[in-house]
C-alpha cells in the first residue's frame, strides 16, 4: 500500500477554506450517511421503484433482485435523488453530488488528499479563486464523466472530481514539492519522500487513465473519468493563470501612454539605453507600456536582469517578478537562468509572502550552477522557508 500523508513546503498560516471544505464534507457524511444507512428504505417511497428499475439494468446477471431489495437503505434513496445521474442531469445534483460519499473510506481518502494538497493551492489562488475553481473543477469532472456514461442512471457522488482539480493546480504550480508517502508492504513499513509530480503522475496515469481506458464502455465502480476531467481542468486553469500573471501590467505602470502600436520597433534599444544610463523608472514605464508579446526577446539577458533587480530593490515586487518570469520565458536555455530563478524566488519569499512558489524557483536556480555568493543566498532563503514549516524541510 502506498499512502500520501503530507507534503512540503507549505505556506505560512491556516488554510481556512480547505479546513471548511473538509468540515462540510464530514458534516454531511455524519448527518446523512451514518443515520440513513442504518435505516431501511420505506417500500411505499415512490423513489424505491425508480431506484430498482435503474438497478435492474446494471446488476450482474448472476445477482438476483431479491437479494438486493431487502438491503436497500434510506441513504441509497438519498444518493439516488441527490447524486448526479447522467440519464437525468440537473444543476442541483451537479453541486450536491460533490458533498456526498459512498462510505467512510471514500470520504477518508478524499479528505486526506484535500488536507495534503489544498493549502498550497488555496494560498496561491486566494479565497474567492479557491472556492470558484474547487466547485468549477467538480462540475467539469462530473460533466466529463457524464460524457462517457451518457444515459446511465447510476448516481455519481464524491468530492474526488473537485479535489482532482486541486491536484491539477498543484501539479503545475509546485513541481519541486516533496510528498511524504507511507509504504506498507506486509512487514515492511517506511515513510519516504517523493517528488510531487511522481506522486500525482502516478495518481492520474496509473490509478485513473489506464483503468479508464481499460473499462471505457463497460463501467466501473470508480469514476475514473471524473478524476481525469477534474485534473485536466486544474492543469488548464493553472496554465492560463500563469500566462495571465506573466502578461499582466503592474498596477503602478497602468497609466496609459501613447498607443503601443505607434511605438518604434527599436523600443528594446530605447529601454536598454535608459537602463545603461541608470534611468530605470523610465525604462520600466516603456517596458510595461508594451503588450507582453512585444517584449519577447527585446532585452538582452543582462539588461533584463538589471531592470528586474532594480525593480525588486525599489518597491516594485510584482513588476520585478514579471520581468524575471519573462526572462525565463525568453531565455529558457540561455544565460542568467540561475539569477532569474533566484530573483523571482527572493521577491516571492520576502516581498509577496509566497514561500512555496519561491521554493520552486530556488530549486531550479540550484540546478543551473549559480555563483558561490548566489548559492549562499539561495540556501539562506531555503533555510528561512524551512523554518516556516510545520515539519522540518530537507535541504536540496
Protein backbone atom coordinates (compact mmCIF):
# COMPACT_ATOMS: atom_id res chain seq x y z
CA UNK A 1 0.00 0.00 0.00
CA UNK A 2 1.23 3.47 -0.86
CA UNK A 3 -0.47 6.29 1.06
CA UNK A 4 0.43 10.01 0.87
CA UNK A 5 0.45 11.50 4.38
CA UNK A 6 1.90 15.00 3.93
CA UNK A 7 3.82 17.42 1.73
CA UNK A 8 6.42 20.15 1.95
CA UNK A 9 6.95 23.03 1.82
CA UNK A 10 3.70 24.63 2.92
CA UNK A 11 2.66 28.28 3.12
CA UNK A 12 2.55 30.09 6.42
CA UNK A 13 -0.88 30.46 8.05
CA UNK A 14 -4.03 28.39 8.35
CA UNK A 15 -5.83 27.19 5.19
CA UNK A 16 -9.26 28.17 6.47
CA UNK A 17 -11.20 27.27 3.32
CA UNK A 18 -9.55 23.88 2.99
CA UNK A 19 -10.49 23.09 6.58
CA UNK A 20 -14.00 24.46 5.99
CA UNK A 21 -14.49 22.19 2.95
CA UNK A 22 -13.24 19.20 4.93
CA UNK A 23 -15.60 20.12 7.78
CA UNK A 24 -18.56 20.50 5.41
CA UNK A 25 -17.94 17.12 3.77
CA UNK A 26 -17.56 15.41 7.14
CA UNK A 27 -20.70 17.11 8.48
CA UNK A 28 -22.79 15.95 5.50
CA UNK A 29 -21.45 12.42 5.98
CA UNK A 30 -22.22 12.37 9.71
CA UNK A 31 -25.71 13.85 9.27
CA UNK A 32 -26.78 11.69 6.33
CA UNK A 33 -24.70 8.55 5.81
CA UNK A 34 -24.45 7.41 9.43
CA UNK A 35 -28.16 7.62 10.37
CA UNK A 36 -29.65 6.74 6.97
CA UNK A 37 -27.54 3.65 6.26
CA UNK A 38 -28.95 2.17 9.47
CA UNK A 39 -32.50 2.79 8.23
CA UNK A 40 -34.14 0.52 5.65
CA UNK A 41 -35.93 2.21 2.79
CA UNK A 42 -39.69 2.64 3.10
CA UNK A 43 -41.30 0.36 0.45
CA UNK A 44 -44.02 3.00 -0.01
CA UNK A 45 -41.47 5.64 -1.01
CA UNK A 46 -42.06 6.41 -4.74
CA UNK A 47 -38.29 6.59 -5.26
CA UNK A 48 -37.95 2.86 -4.49
CA UNK A 49 -39.47 1.66 -7.75
CA UNK A 50 -37.44 4.14 -9.81
CA UNK A 51 -34.27 3.07 -8.00
CA UNK A 52 -34.95 -0.62 -8.53
CA UNK A 53 -35.76 -0.04 -12.18
CA UNK A 54 -32.39 1.63 -12.69
CA UNK A 55 -30.65 -1.08 -10.71
CA UNK A 56 -32.11 -3.90 -12.82
CA UNK A 57 -30.33 -2.54 -15.89
CA UNK A 58 -26.93 -2.58 -14.23
CA UNK A 59 -26.88 -5.66 -11.99
CA UNK A 60 -24.59 -8.52 -13.00
CA UNK A 61 -26.60 -11.44 -14.45
CA UNK A 62 -25.82 -13.72 -11.51
CA UNK A 63 -27.19 -11.32 -8.86
CA UNK A 64 -30.99 -11.63 -8.38
CA UNK A 65 -33.06 -8.59 -7.43
CA UNK A 66 -34.50 -10.50 -4.47
CA UNK A 67 -31.02 -10.43 -2.95
CA UNK A 68 -30.67 -6.67 -3.28
CA UNK A 69 -34.11 -5.29 -2.41
CA UNK A 70 -34.13 -6.16 1.31
CA UNK A 71 -30.78 -4.35 1.73
CA UNK A 72 -31.99 -1.06 0.25
CA UNK A 73 -31.44 1.79 2.75
CA UNK A 74 -32.75 5.32 3.09
CA UNK A 75 -29.26 6.57 2.22
CA UNK A 76 -29.38 4.69 -1.11
CA UNK A 77 -32.51 6.65 -1.99
CA UNK A 78 -30.92 9.94 -0.89
CA UNK A 79 -27.93 9.24 -3.13
CA UNK A 80 -30.25 8.34 -5.98
CA UNK A 81 -32.05 11.67 -5.56
CA UNK A 82 -29.08 13.99 -4.96
CA UNK A 83 -26.24 12.16 -6.71
CA UNK A 84 -25.56 13.14 -10.32
CA UNK A 85 -27.24 10.77 -12.78
CA UNK A 86 -26.12 11.25 -16.42
CA UNK A 87 -29.54 9.98 -17.54
CA UNK A 88 -31.28 12.73 -15.53
CA UNK A 89 -28.81 15.61 -15.17
CA UNK A 90 -29.59 18.75 -13.19
CA UNK A 91 -27.76 21.81 -11.89
CA UNK A 92 -28.74 20.93 -8.32
CA UNK A 93 -27.17 17.47 -8.42
CA UNK A 94 -24.04 18.85 -10.08
CA UNK A 95 -23.40 20.59 -6.75
CA UNK A 96 -24.97 18.27 -4.18
CA UNK A 97 -23.17 15.21 -5.53
CA UNK A 98 -19.82 16.81 -4.60
CA UNK A 99 -20.62 16.67 -0.89
CA UNK A 100 -21.91 13.09 -0.61
CA UNK A 101 -19.80 9.95 -0.23
CA UNK A 102 -20.32 6.23 -0.59
CA UNK A 103 -18.64 5.21 2.65
CA UNK A 104 -16.05 6.06 5.27
CA UNK A 105 -13.00 5.06 3.20
CA UNK A 106 -14.33 7.06 0.24
CA UNK A 107 -14.62 10.12 2.49
CA UNK A 108 -11.30 9.50 4.25
CA UNK A 109 -9.30 9.20 1.01
CA UNK A 110 -10.79 12.35 -0.46
CA UNK A 111 -10.33 14.43 2.70
CA UNK A 112 -6.75 13.20 3.14
CA UNK A 113 -5.81 14.38 -0.35
CA UNK A 114 -7.59 17.70 0.19
CA UNK A 115 -5.79 18.19 3.52
CA UNK A 116 -2.38 17.42 1.98
CA UNK A 117 -2.60 19.36 -1.26
CA UNK A 118 -5.26 22.01 -0.66
CA UNK A 119 -3.35 24.51 1.48
CA UNK A 120 -0.73 25.40 -1.14
CA UNK A 121 -3.34 25.84 -3.85
CA UNK A 122 -5.61 27.88 -1.56
CA UNK A 123 -2.72 30.19 -0.72
CA UNK A 124 -1.89 30.71 -4.40
CA UNK A 125 -5.48 31.18 -5.64
CA UNK A 126 -6.81 33.26 -2.76
CA UNK A 127 -10.16 32.72 -1.05
CA UNK A 128 -12.51 33.54 -3.92
CA UNK A 129 -10.47 31.81 -6.61
CA UNK A 130 -10.08 28.70 -4.49
CA UNK A 131 -13.82 28.26 -3.94
CA UNK A 132 -14.66 29.09 -7.57
CA UNK A 133 -12.16 26.63 -9.03
CA UNK A 134 -12.84 23.91 -6.46
CA UNK A 135 -16.51 23.96 -7.45
CA UNK A 136 -15.67 24.55 -11.11
CA UNK A 137 -13.37 21.53 -11.17
CA UNK A 138 -16.06 19.44 -9.53
CA UNK A 139 -18.60 20.46 -12.17
CA UNK A 140 -16.11 19.84 -15.01
CA UNK A 141 -15.23 16.43 -13.55
CA UNK A 142 -18.88 15.41 -13.33
CA UNK A 143 -19.66 16.56 -16.88
CA UNK A 144 -16.55 14.77 -18.20
CA UNK A 145 -17.75 11.58 -16.51
CA UNK A 146 -21.25 12.09 -17.90
CA UNK A 147 -19.92 12.46 -21.44
CA UNK A 148 -18.64 8.86 -21.30
CA UNK A 149 -21.59 7.49 -19.36
CA UNK A 150 -24.46 9.25 -21.08
CA UNK A 151 -27.77 7.65 -20.34
CA UNK A 152 -26.50 5.90 -17.22
CA UNK A 153 -28.93 6.04 -14.26
CA UNK A 154 -26.20 5.20 -11.74
CA UNK A 155 -25.59 8.24 -9.50
CA UNK A 156 -22.13 9.73 -9.11
CA UNK A 157 -21.16 11.07 -5.67
CA UNK A 158 -17.98 12.27 -4.03
CA UNK A 159 -15.59 15.21 -3.80
CA UNK A 160 -12.85 13.45 -5.76
CA UNK A 161 -13.54 15.31 -9.01
CA UNK A 162 -13.20 18.70 -7.31
CA UNK A 163 -10.13 17.53 -5.39
CA UNK A 164 -8.60 16.20 -8.60
CA UNK A 165 -8.86 19.75 -9.89
CA UNK A 166 -6.84 20.92 -6.88
CA UNK A 167 -4.27 18.22 -7.70
CA UNK A 168 -4.07 19.57 -11.26
CA UNK A 169 -3.27 23.06 -9.94
CA UNK A 170 -0.67 21.57 -7.61
CA UNK A 171 0.93 19.56 -10.44
CA UNK A 172 1.55 22.74 -12.45
CA UNK A 173 2.48 25.15 -9.67
CA UNK A 174 4.53 23.07 -7.22
CA UNK A 175 6.64 20.63 -9.27
CA UNK A 176 9.53 20.57 -6.80
CA UNK A 177 7.49 19.95 -3.66
CA UNK A 178 8.01 16.66 -1.85
CA UNK A 179 5.27 14.30 -0.67
CA UNK A 180 5.63 12.05 2.36
CA UNK A 181 4.40 8.61 1.33
CA UNK A 182 3.74 5.72 3.71
CA UNK A 183 4.80 2.42 2.14
CA UNK A 184 3.21 -0.60 3.77
CA UNK A 185 4.05 -3.97 2.23
CA UNK A 186 3.45 -6.89 4.59
CA UNK A 187 6.10 -6.38 7.33
CA UNK A 188 7.85 -3.54 5.51
CA UNK A 189 6.72 -0.13 6.78
CA UNK A 190 8.55 3.01 5.80
CA UNK A 191 7.92 6.70 5.10
CA UNK A 192 9.72 8.08 2.05
CA UNK A 193 9.88 11.50 0.41
CA UNK A 194 8.92 11.51 -3.28
CA UNK A 195 8.67 14.36 -5.82
CA UNK A 196 5.13 15.70 -6.02
CA UNK A 197 4.95 15.18 -9.77
CA UNK A 198 5.85 11.50 -9.38
CA UNK A 199 3.04 11.01 -6.87
CA UNK A 200 0.47 12.99 -8.85
CA UNK A 201 1.62 11.47 -12.14
CA UNK A 202 1.09 8.00 -10.66
CA UNK A 203 -2.35 9.12 -9.43
CA UNK A 204 -3.55 10.40 -12.77
CA UNK A 205 -1.89 7.87 -15.12
CA UNK A 206 -1.70 4.57 -13.25
CA UNK A 207 -4.68 5.00 -10.92
CA UNK A 208 -7.03 6.68 -13.40
CA UNK A 209 -6.13 6.96 -17.08
CA UNK A 210 -5.10 3.32 -17.52
CA UNK A 211 -8.15 1.91 -15.64
CA UNK A 212 -10.39 4.35 -17.53
CA UNK A 213 -9.10 3.14 -20.90
CA UNK A 214 -9.43 -0.48 -19.79
CA UNK A 215 -13.06 -0.11 -18.68
CA UNK A 216 -14.45 2.55 -21.02
CA UNK A 217 -17.83 1.46 -22.26
CA UNK A 218 -18.11 -1.22 -19.59
CA UNK A 219 -18.44 0.87 -16.45
CA UNK A 220 -16.55 0.69 -13.19
CA UNK A 221 -17.22 1.19 -9.51
CA UNK A 222 -14.76 4.09 -9.57
CA UNK A 223 -15.49 7.22 -11.61
CA UNK A 224 -12.06 7.43 -13.26
CA UNK A 225 -13.45 9.79 -15.89
CA UNK A 226 -14.42 12.30 -13.20
CA UNK A 227 -10.93 12.20 -11.73
CA UNK A 228 -9.38 12.78 -15.16
CA UNK A 229 -11.79 15.60 -16.02
CA UNK A 230 -11.17 17.42 -12.74
CA UNK A 231 -7.39 17.05 -13.02
CA UNK A 232 -7.36 18.38 -16.59
CA UNK A 233 -9.48 21.33 -15.50
CA UNK A 234 -6.98 22.22 -12.80
CA UNK A 235 -3.99 21.89 -15.13
CA UNK A 236 -5.55 24.05 -17.85
CA UNK A 237 -6.69 26.82 -15.49
CA UNK A 238 -3.30 26.88 -13.73
CA UNK A 239 -1.53 27.32 -17.08
CA UNK A 240 -3.96 30.08 -18.09
CA UNK A 241 -3.38 31.89 -14.78
CA UNK A 242 0.38 31.53 -15.25
CA UNK A 243 0.08 33.24 -18.62
CA UNK A 244 -2.14 35.98 -17.22
CA UNK A 245 0.36 36.64 -14.42
CA UNK A 246 3.18 36.98 -16.92
CA UNK A 247 1.23 39.29 -19.26
CA UNK A 248 -0.30 41.50 -16.56
CA UNK A 249 0.92 45.06 -16.24
CA UNK A 250 1.88 46.03 -12.66
CA UNK A 251 -0.59 48.46 -11.11
CA UNK A 252 1.92 51.31 -10.86
CA UNK A 253 2.55 51.10 -14.63
CA UNK A 254 -1.05 51.06 -15.79
CA UNK A 255 -1.13 54.74 -16.77
CA UNK A 256 -1.94 54.90 -20.46
CA UNK A 257 0.69 56.49 -22.68
CA UNK A 258 0.75 56.62 -26.44
CA UNK A 259 -0.55 53.59 -28.29
CA UNK A 260 1.94 50.69 -28.25
CA UNK A 261 1.26 50.12 -31.94
CA UNK A 262 2.81 53.53 -32.64
CA UNK A 263 5.98 52.72 -30.77
CA UNK A 264 9.10 52.31 -32.91
CA UNK A 265 10.46 48.82 -33.42
CA UNK A 266 13.65 49.91 -31.65
CA UNK A 267 11.90 50.04 -28.27
CA UNK A 268 14.31 47.42 -26.95
CA UNK A 269 17.22 49.73 -27.77
CA UNK A 270 15.49 52.68 -26.10
CA UNK A 271 14.75 50.68 -22.92
CA UNK A 272 18.29 49.31 -22.85
CA UNK A 273 19.71 52.82 -23.23
CA UNK A 274 17.71 54.03 -20.25
CA UNK A 275 18.94 51.09 -18.18
CA UNK A 276 22.56 51.81 -19.12
CA UNK A 277 22.04 55.47 -18.17
CA UNK A 278 20.56 54.44 -14.82
CA UNK A 279 17.10 55.80 -15.75
CA UNK A 280 15.34 52.64 -14.58
CA UNK A 281 11.96 54.26 -13.87
CA UNK A 282 11.71 55.48 -17.44
CA UNK A 283 12.88 52.10 -18.75
CA UNK A 284 10.20 50.34 -16.71
CA UNK A 285 7.49 52.68 -17.98
CA UNK A 286 8.41 51.99 -21.59
CA UNK A 287 8.75 48.26 -20.97
CA UNK A 288 5.32 47.86 -19.38
CA UNK A 289 3.74 50.14 -21.96
CA UNK A 290 4.23 47.28 -24.41
CA UNK A 291 1.99 44.19 -24.65
CA UNK A 292 3.62 41.10 -23.21
CA UNK A 293 4.22 39.52 -26.62
CA UNK A 294 6.00 42.66 -27.84
CA UNK A 295 8.51 42.33 -25.00
CA UNK A 296 9.65 38.88 -26.10
CA UNK A 297 13.39 38.98 -26.60
CA UNK A 298 13.68 42.79 -26.89
CA UNK A 299 16.07 42.97 -23.91
CA UNK A 300 19.39 41.21 -23.60
CA UNK A 301 19.70 38.87 -20.61
CA UNK A 302 21.95 41.36 -18.83
CA UNK A 303 19.56 44.29 -19.30
CA UNK A 304 16.57 42.15 -18.33
CA UNK A 305 18.21 41.11 -15.04
CA UNK A 306 19.35 44.67 -14.31
CA UNK A 307 15.84 46.01 -14.75
CA UNK A 308 14.29 43.24 -12.64
CA UNK A 309 16.83 43.72 -9.83
CA UNK A 310 16.27 47.47 -9.76
CA UNK A 311 12.51 46.97 -9.52
CA UNK A 312 12.95 44.48 -6.70
CA UNK A 313 15.13 46.88 -4.69
CA UNK A 314 12.81 49.84 -5.24
CA UNK A 315 9.44 48.50 -4.13
CA UNK A 316 8.12 47.15 -7.43
CA UNK A 317 7.83 43.49 -6.38
CA UNK A 318 5.13 42.44 -8.87
CA UNK A 319 6.93 44.15 -11.71
CA UNK A 320 10.23 42.53 -10.74
CA UNK A 321 8.59 39.10 -10.65
CA UNK A 322 7.07 39.69 -14.09
CA UNK A 323 10.40 40.71 -15.63
CA UNK A 324 12.11 37.65 -14.12
CA UNK A 325 9.33 35.39 -15.43
CA UNK A 326 9.61 36.89 -18.91
CA UNK A 327 13.37 36.43 -18.78
CA UNK A 328 12.79 32.72 -18.13
CA UNK A 329 10.28 32.66 -20.99
CA UNK A 330 12.66 34.40 -23.41
CA UNK A 331 15.86 32.56 -22.47
CA UNK A 332 14.84 29.07 -21.29
CA UNK A 333 18.31 27.72 -22.08
CA UNK A 334 20.25 30.94 -22.20
CA UNK A 335 22.38 32.91 -19.75
CA UNK A 336 21.14 34.21 -16.43
CA UNK A 337 18.81 31.30 -15.62
CA UNK A 338 20.09 30.85 -12.08
CA UNK A 339 19.92 34.61 -11.47
CA UNK A 340 16.38 34.91 -12.85
CA UNK A 341 15.09 31.95 -10.83
CA UNK A 342 16.79 33.23 -7.68
CA UNK A 343 15.49 36.76 -8.24
CA UNK A 344 11.93 35.53 -8.71
CA UNK A 345 12.21 33.39 -5.59
CA UNK A 346 13.60 36.22 -3.46
CA UNK A 347 10.75 38.52 -4.47
CA UNK A 348 8.17 35.83 -3.72
CA UNK A 349 9.51 34.85 -0.31
CA UNK A 350 10.48 38.30 1.02
CA UNK A 351 8.01 40.68 -0.65
CA UNK A 352 4.95 38.70 -1.72
CA UNK A 353 4.69 36.12 1.08
CA UNK A 354 4.71 33.14 -1.29
CA UNK A 355 7.35 30.79 0.17
CA UNK A 356 6.12 27.66 -1.60
CA UNK A 357 6.21 29.32 -5.01
CA UNK A 358 9.67 30.71 -4.16
CA UNK A 359 10.86 27.21 -3.27
CA UNK A 360 10.21 26.05 -6.85
CA UNK A 361 12.45 28.82 -8.23
CA UNK A 362 15.22 28.22 -5.69
CA UNK A 363 15.42 24.53 -6.57
CA UNK A 364 15.60 25.41 -10.27
CA UNK A 365 18.28 28.03 -9.54
CA UNK A 366 20.48 25.48 -7.78
CA UNK A 367 20.15 23.17 -10.79
CA UNK A 368 21.68 25.88 -13.04
CA UNK A 369 25.01 26.27 -11.22
CA UNK A 370 24.76 29.69 -9.53
CA UNK A 371 27.82 31.57 -8.31
CA UNK A 372 29.03 30.87 -4.78
CA UNK A 373 27.58 34.12 -3.48
CA UNK A 374 24.20 33.48 -5.09
CA UNK A 375 24.15 29.86 -3.93
CA UNK A 376 24.76 31.01 -0.37
CA UNK A 377 21.87 33.48 -0.63
CA UNK A 378 19.59 30.78 -2.06
CA UNK A 379 20.43 28.31 0.70
CA UNK A 380 19.87 31.00 3.33
CA UNK A 381 16.41 31.63 1.83
CA UNK A 382 15.68 27.91 1.76
CA UNK A 383 16.57 27.79 5.46
CA UNK A 384 14.09 30.62 6.09
CA UNK A 385 11.40 28.67 4.24
CA UNK A 386 12.24 25.54 6.24
CA UNK A 387 11.80 27.49 9.47
CA UNK A 388 8.21 28.33 8.46
CA UNK A 389 7.17 24.69 8.07
CA UNK A 390 5.21 22.52 10.45
CA UNK A 391 7.57 19.69 9.52
CA UNK A 392 11.27 20.12 9.04
CA UNK A 393 12.28 20.52 5.41
CA UNK A 394 15.09 18.52 3.93
CA UNK A 395 17.70 20.59 2.17
CA UNK A 396 18.10 20.31 -1.61
